[in-house]
Amino acid sequence: MLDAREKVALFLDGANLYATSRSLGFDIDYRRLLKSFREKAYVLRAVYYTALAEDQEYSSIRPLIDWLDYNGYRVVTKPLKEFTDAQGRRKVKGNMDIELAVDAMEAAEHIDHFVIFSGDGDFRYLVEALQRKGKKVTVASTLKSQPPMIADELRRQADHFLELADMEEEFGRQGPPRTARTQREDELEDEEEYEEYYDEEDDELADR
């Protein structure tokens, strides 16, 4: 899948990757993930995208963001937006699709191979656009959850598909297994708005 001569970019859709790892029952070790790819190719950049609740004095996700920022990742964030749906329920939203797509197109001149960690079908057109520029694109998600976490149109469009369920030994978090919780859930356990956001992300994926 990877060629040692390629310049590679890793783009991680934080919310989608969280939902995928939760569905598979293991945590992503971001240090091991980056190390794994650097051993196989020249990783020019690794970017992690997530929304943050910036109206709080302290957010328990910030230690993860700070760690990524100091350990080889560029972190792109924006504030979560709060709204009330038609049933009067409080909801939050923090979609990062536009940011990821714009960054990918701007980087295309310097990158040979994009690895996008997301199953979001909205990225199909981005993959096609990158391919028109002569770039190779791998998408990383899973077909082994119920339902699958990757949209069929995205998987079909990509040049390669990386099954995350097969990657637990390579870059899963080491230590006692936690099937009911994940690293991100531990970090967000006191933040109801994040749980609502990620539950909504799961519902959207299930509808694809």
Protein backbone atom coordinates (compact mmCIF):
# COMPACT_ATOMS: atom_id res chain seq x y z
CA MET A 1 0.00 0.00 0.00
CA LEU A 2 2.79 2.42 0.93
CA ASP A 3 6.00 3.06 -1.00
CA ALA A 4 9.08 4.18 0.92
CA ARG A 5 9.73 6.75 -1.82
CA GLU A 6 6.35 8.43 -1.34
CA LYS A 7 5.68 11.62 0.55
CA VAL A 8 2.69 10.78 2.73
CA ALA A 9 0.15 12.88 4.64
CA LEU A 10 -2.05 11.46 7.41
CA PHE A 11 -5.35 13.28 7.92
CA LEU A 12 -7.29 12.15 11.00
CA ASP A 13 -10.97 13.03 11.37
CA GLY A 14 -11.01 12.97 15.18
CA ALA A 15 -14.73 12.47 15.78
CA ASN A 16 -15.06 9.80 13.11
CA LEU A 17 -11.95 7.95 14.25
CA TYR A 18 -13.22 8.05 17.83
CA ALA A 19 -16.53 6.50 16.76
CA THR A 20 -14.73 3.84 14.73
CA SER A 21 -12.32 2.83 17.49
CA ARG A 22 -15.20 2.69 19.96
CA SER A 23 -17.12 0.36 17.64
CA LEU A 24 -14.06 -1.93 17.45
CA GLY A 25 -13.44 -1.93 21.19
CA PHE A 26 -9.84 -0.76 21.23
CA ASP A 27 -8.04 2.54 21.67
CA ILE A 28 -5.78 4.17 19.10
CA ASP A 29 -2.23 4.76 20.32
CA TYR A 30 -1.31 7.86 18.32
CA ARG A 31 2.39 7.53 19.04
CA ARG A 32 2.47 3.98 17.66
CA LEU A 33 0.28 4.96 14.71
CA LEU A 34 2.66 7.71 13.60
CA LYS A 35 5.71 5.52 14.22
CA SER A 36 4.18 2.73 12.13
CA PHE A 37 3.64 4.96 9.12
CA ARG A 38 7.05 6.63 9.46
CA GLU A 39 8.69 3.22 9.26
CA LYS A 40 7.03 2.56 5.91
CA ALA A 41 7.18 5.91 4.12
CA TYR A 42 8.23 9.53 4.43
CA VAL A 43 5.41 11.10 6.47
CA LEU A 44 5.56 14.76 5.56
CA ARG A 45 2.67 15.73 7.83
CA ALA A 46 0.09 14.28 10.20
CA VAL A 47 -2.97 16.39 11.02
CA TYR A 48 -5.66 15.74 13.62
CA TYR A 49 -9.03 17.52 13.30
CA THR A 50 -11.45 17.97 16.18
CA ALA A 51 -13.99 20.43 17.57
CA LEU A 52 -13.62 21.83 21.10
CA ALA A 53 -15.99 23.29 23.67
CA GLU A 54 -14.16 26.58 24.11
CA ASP A 55 -16.63 28.16 26.55
CA GLN A 56 -15.29 26.04 29.40
CA GLU A 57 -12.33 26.98 31.58
CA TYR A 58 -11.03 23.43 31.36
CA SER A 59 -11.73 20.77 28.76
CA SER A 60 -10.60 17.23 29.48
CA ILE A 61 -9.82 16.69 25.81
CA ARG A 62 -7.12 19.39 25.90
CA PRO A 63 -4.40 17.11 27.32
CA LEU A 64 -4.81 14.88 24.27
CA ILE A 65 -4.71 17.89 21.96
CA ASP A 66 -1.60 19.24 23.69
CA TRP A 67 0.09 15.83 23.54
CA LEU A 68 -0.60 15.48 19.81
CA ASP A 69 0.65 19.01 19.19
CA TYR A 70 3.99 18.23 20.84
CA ASN A 71 4.42 14.74 19.36
CA GLY A 72 4.47 15.09 15.62
CA TYR A 73 0.89 16.08 14.83
CA ARG A 74 -0.55 19.35 13.66
CA VAL A 75 -3.88 19.91 15.41
CA VAL A 76 -6.74 21.80 13.76
CA THR A 77 -9.66 22.77 15.99
CA LYS A 78 -12.75 24.94 15.97
CA PRO A 79 -15.47 25.65 18.56
CA LEU A 80 -18.44 23.36 18.93
CA LYS A 81 -21.69 25.09 17.99
CA GLU A 82 -24.76 24.66 20.16
CA PHE A 83 -28.30 24.61 18.76
CA THR A 84 -31.78 23.32 19.55
CA ASP A 85 -33.39 20.81 17.18
CA ALA A 86 -37.02 20.67 16.06
CA GLN A 87 -37.93 18.56 19.10
CA GLY A 88 -36.45 21.15 21.46
CA ARG A 89 -33.41 19.03 22.33
CA ARG A 90 -30.06 20.70 22.94
CA LYS A 91 -27.49 19.61 20.36
CA VAL A 92 -23.90 20.47 19.53
CA LYS A 93 -22.15 20.27 16.19
CA GLY A 94 -18.52 20.53 15.15
CA ASN A 95 -18.04 19.12 11.67
CA MET A 96 -14.45 19.44 10.42
CA ASP A 97 -14.98 18.22 6.83
CA ILE A 98 -14.33 21.59 5.18
CA GLU A 99 -11.11 22.20 7.09
CA LEU A 100 -9.76 18.77 6.21
CA ALA A 101 -10.74 19.06 2.54
CA VAL A 102 -9.22 22.53 2.11
CA ASP A 103 -5.97 21.48 3.78
CA ALA A 104 -5.74 18.38 1.61
CA MET A 105 -6.19 20.32 -1.62
CA GLU A 106 -3.62 22.91 -0.55
CA ALA A 107 -1.12 20.17 0.34
CA ALA A 108 -1.65 18.20 -2.87
CA GLU A 109 1.27 19.87 -4.62
CA HIS A 110 3.69 18.41 -2.08
CA ILE A 111 2.11 15.02 -1.26
CA ASP A 112 2.13 11.74 -3.21
CA HIS A 113 -0.16 9.67 -1.01
CA PHE A 114 -2.97 10.79 1.33
CA VAL A 115 -4.18 8.53 4.14
CA ILE A 116 -7.54 9.77 5.43
CA PHE A 117 -8.75 8.28 8.71
CA SER A 118 -12.48 8.60 8.23
CA GLY A 119 -15.43 6.66 6.90
CA ASP A 120 -17.48 9.78 6.12
CA GLY A 121 -19.03 9.49 2.66
CA ASP A 122 -18.80 13.27 2.25
CA PHE A 123 -15.08 12.80 1.56
CA ARG A 124 -15.71 10.82 -1.63
CA TYR A 125 -15.58 13.92 -3.79
CA LEU A 126 -12.36 15.06 -2.08
CA VAL A 127 -10.78 11.68 -2.84
CA GLU A 128 -11.83 11.97 -6.47
CA ALA A 129 -10.41 15.50 -6.70
CA LEU A 130 -7.07 14.38 -5.28
CA GLN A 131 -6.96 11.47 -7.70
CA ARG A 132 -7.51 13.85 -10.61
CA LYS A 133 -4.33 15.57 -9.46
CA GLY A 134 -2.49 12.27 -9.75
CA LYS A 135 -2.46 11.52 -6.02
CA LYS A 136 -2.97 8.16 -4.37
CA VAL A 137 -5.56 8.01 -1.57
CA THR A 138 -6.05 5.44 1.17
CA VAL A 139 -9.02 5.59 3.53
CA ALA A 140 -8.78 4.01 6.98
CA SER A 141 -11.95 2.84 8.70
CA THR A 142 -13.74 -0.46 9.25
CA LEU A 143 -16.16 -2.81 7.55
CA LYS A 144 -16.14 -5.20 10.51
CA SER A 145 -18.41 -3.23 12.83
CA GLN A 146 -22.19 -3.50 12.75
CA PRO A 147 -23.08 -1.43 10.84
CA PRO A 148 -19.84 -0.75 8.91
CA MET A 149 -18.34 2.62 9.79
CA ILE A 150 -17.25 3.47 6.25
CA ALA A 151 -19.58 4.68 3.52
CA ASP A 152 -19.56 2.32 0.54
CA GLU A 153 -19.04 5.14 -1.98
CA LEU A 154 -15.93 6.33 -0.14
CA ARG A 155 -14.40 2.86 0.02
CA ARG A 156 -15.05 2.28 -3.69
CA GLN A 157 -13.53 5.63 -4.68
CA ALA A 158 -10.31 5.22 -2.70
CA ASP A 159 -7.24 3.58 -4.20
CA HIS A 160 -6.72 1.54 -1.06
CA PHE A 161 -8.74 0.66 2.04
CA LEU A 162 -7.06 0.17 5.43
CA GLU A 163 -9.14 -2.02 7.75
CA LEU A 164 -8.61 -0.64 11.25
CA ALA A 165 -9.88 -3.83 12.86
CA ASP A 166 -6.71 -5.53 11.56
CA MET A 167 -4.46 -2.80 12.97
CA GLU A 168 -5.02 -3.31 16.71
CA GLU A 169 -1.74 -5.17 17.21
CA GLU A 170 0.18 -2.60 15.15
CA PHE A 171 -1.06 0.64 16.69
CA GLY A 172 -3.70 -0.20 19.24
CA ARG A 173 -3.20 1.11 22.76
CA GLN A 174 -1.23 -1.39 24.84
CA GLY A 175 -2.42 -2.44 28.27
CA PRO A 176 -5.52 -4.17 29.68
CA PRO A 177 -8.32 -4.31 27.07
CA ARG A 178 -11.31 -2.05 27.61
CA THR A 179 -14.30 -3.19 25.61
CA ALA A 180 -16.88 -0.90 27.15
CA ARG A 181 -14.87 2.33 27.13
CA THR A 182 -12.13 3.93 25.10
CA GLN A 183 -9.39 6.47 25.75
CA ARG A 184 -11.46 9.28 24.26
CA GLU A 185 -14.51 8.34 26.37
CA ASP A 186 -12.38 8.54 29.51
CA GLU A 187 -11.17 11.98 28.47
CA LEU A 188 -14.68 13.21 27.76
CA GLU A 189 -16.66 11.52 30.52
CA ASP A 190 -17.54 14.79 32.30
CA GLU A 191 -18.50 16.65 29.14
CA GLU A 192 -22.11 15.92 28.24
CA GLU A 193 -21.97 18.06 25.12
CA TYR A 194 -19.16 15.92 23.68
CA GLU A 195 -21.09 12.73 24.35
CA GLU A 196 -24.08 14.23 22.54
CA TYR A 197 -21.86 15.24 19.63
CA TYR A 198 -20.28 11.82 19.24
CA ASP A 199 -23.61 10.02 19.69
CA GLU A 200 -24.92 12.15 16.84
CA GLU A 201 -21.85 11.21 14.79
CA ASP A 202 -22.63 7.51 15.37
CA ASP A 203 -26.25 8.04 14.30
CA GLU A 204 -25.17 9.78 11.09
CA LEU A 205 -22.75 6.96 10.25
CA ALA A 206 -25.42 4.36 10.87
CA ASP A 207 -27.69 6.09 8.37
CA ARG A 208 -25.09 5.92 5.57
